């Protein structure tokens, strides 16, 4: 009977020894992780931030493209009106030159009309691009929030 108990004891010790080796291995792996600088880009929280960034950039690109399309349409719409205004100025200037009937006031007025048209072409007065201050944030802001309970546990060395 002593022999059986001794075998059971040795088997039990062998099993405990293997479990102990596993504990030591896990300990060493965790220690290595803790001693390695935090340059690990594969951390799930860092991946979450990267995903938020990518989604936000895609939303911005989509909105920017839609706004660009809208501006191009409005510029094209304005173009016809600008051409008509330029045609009127052109006719007036030609008539003045052909008739040799103009003075300094006419020249100043024609130059002012051309400048106004040019300014309007660069910065139209009938539309603009602006931020919508009334709209709730389209891209949700993220933040890092530290759980103070976990922080206190870490400081005290408790688990």
Foldseek 3Di string as FASTA:
>chain_A
DVVVVVVVVVVVVVVVVVVVVVVVVVVVVVVVVVPDDPPDCPPPVNVVVVVLVVVVVVVVVVVVVVVVVVVVVVLVVCVVVLVVLVVVLVVVVVVCVVVVPDDPVNVVVSVVSVVVSVVCSVPPPVDDDDDDPPDDDPRDDDDDDDDVVVVVCVVVVHD
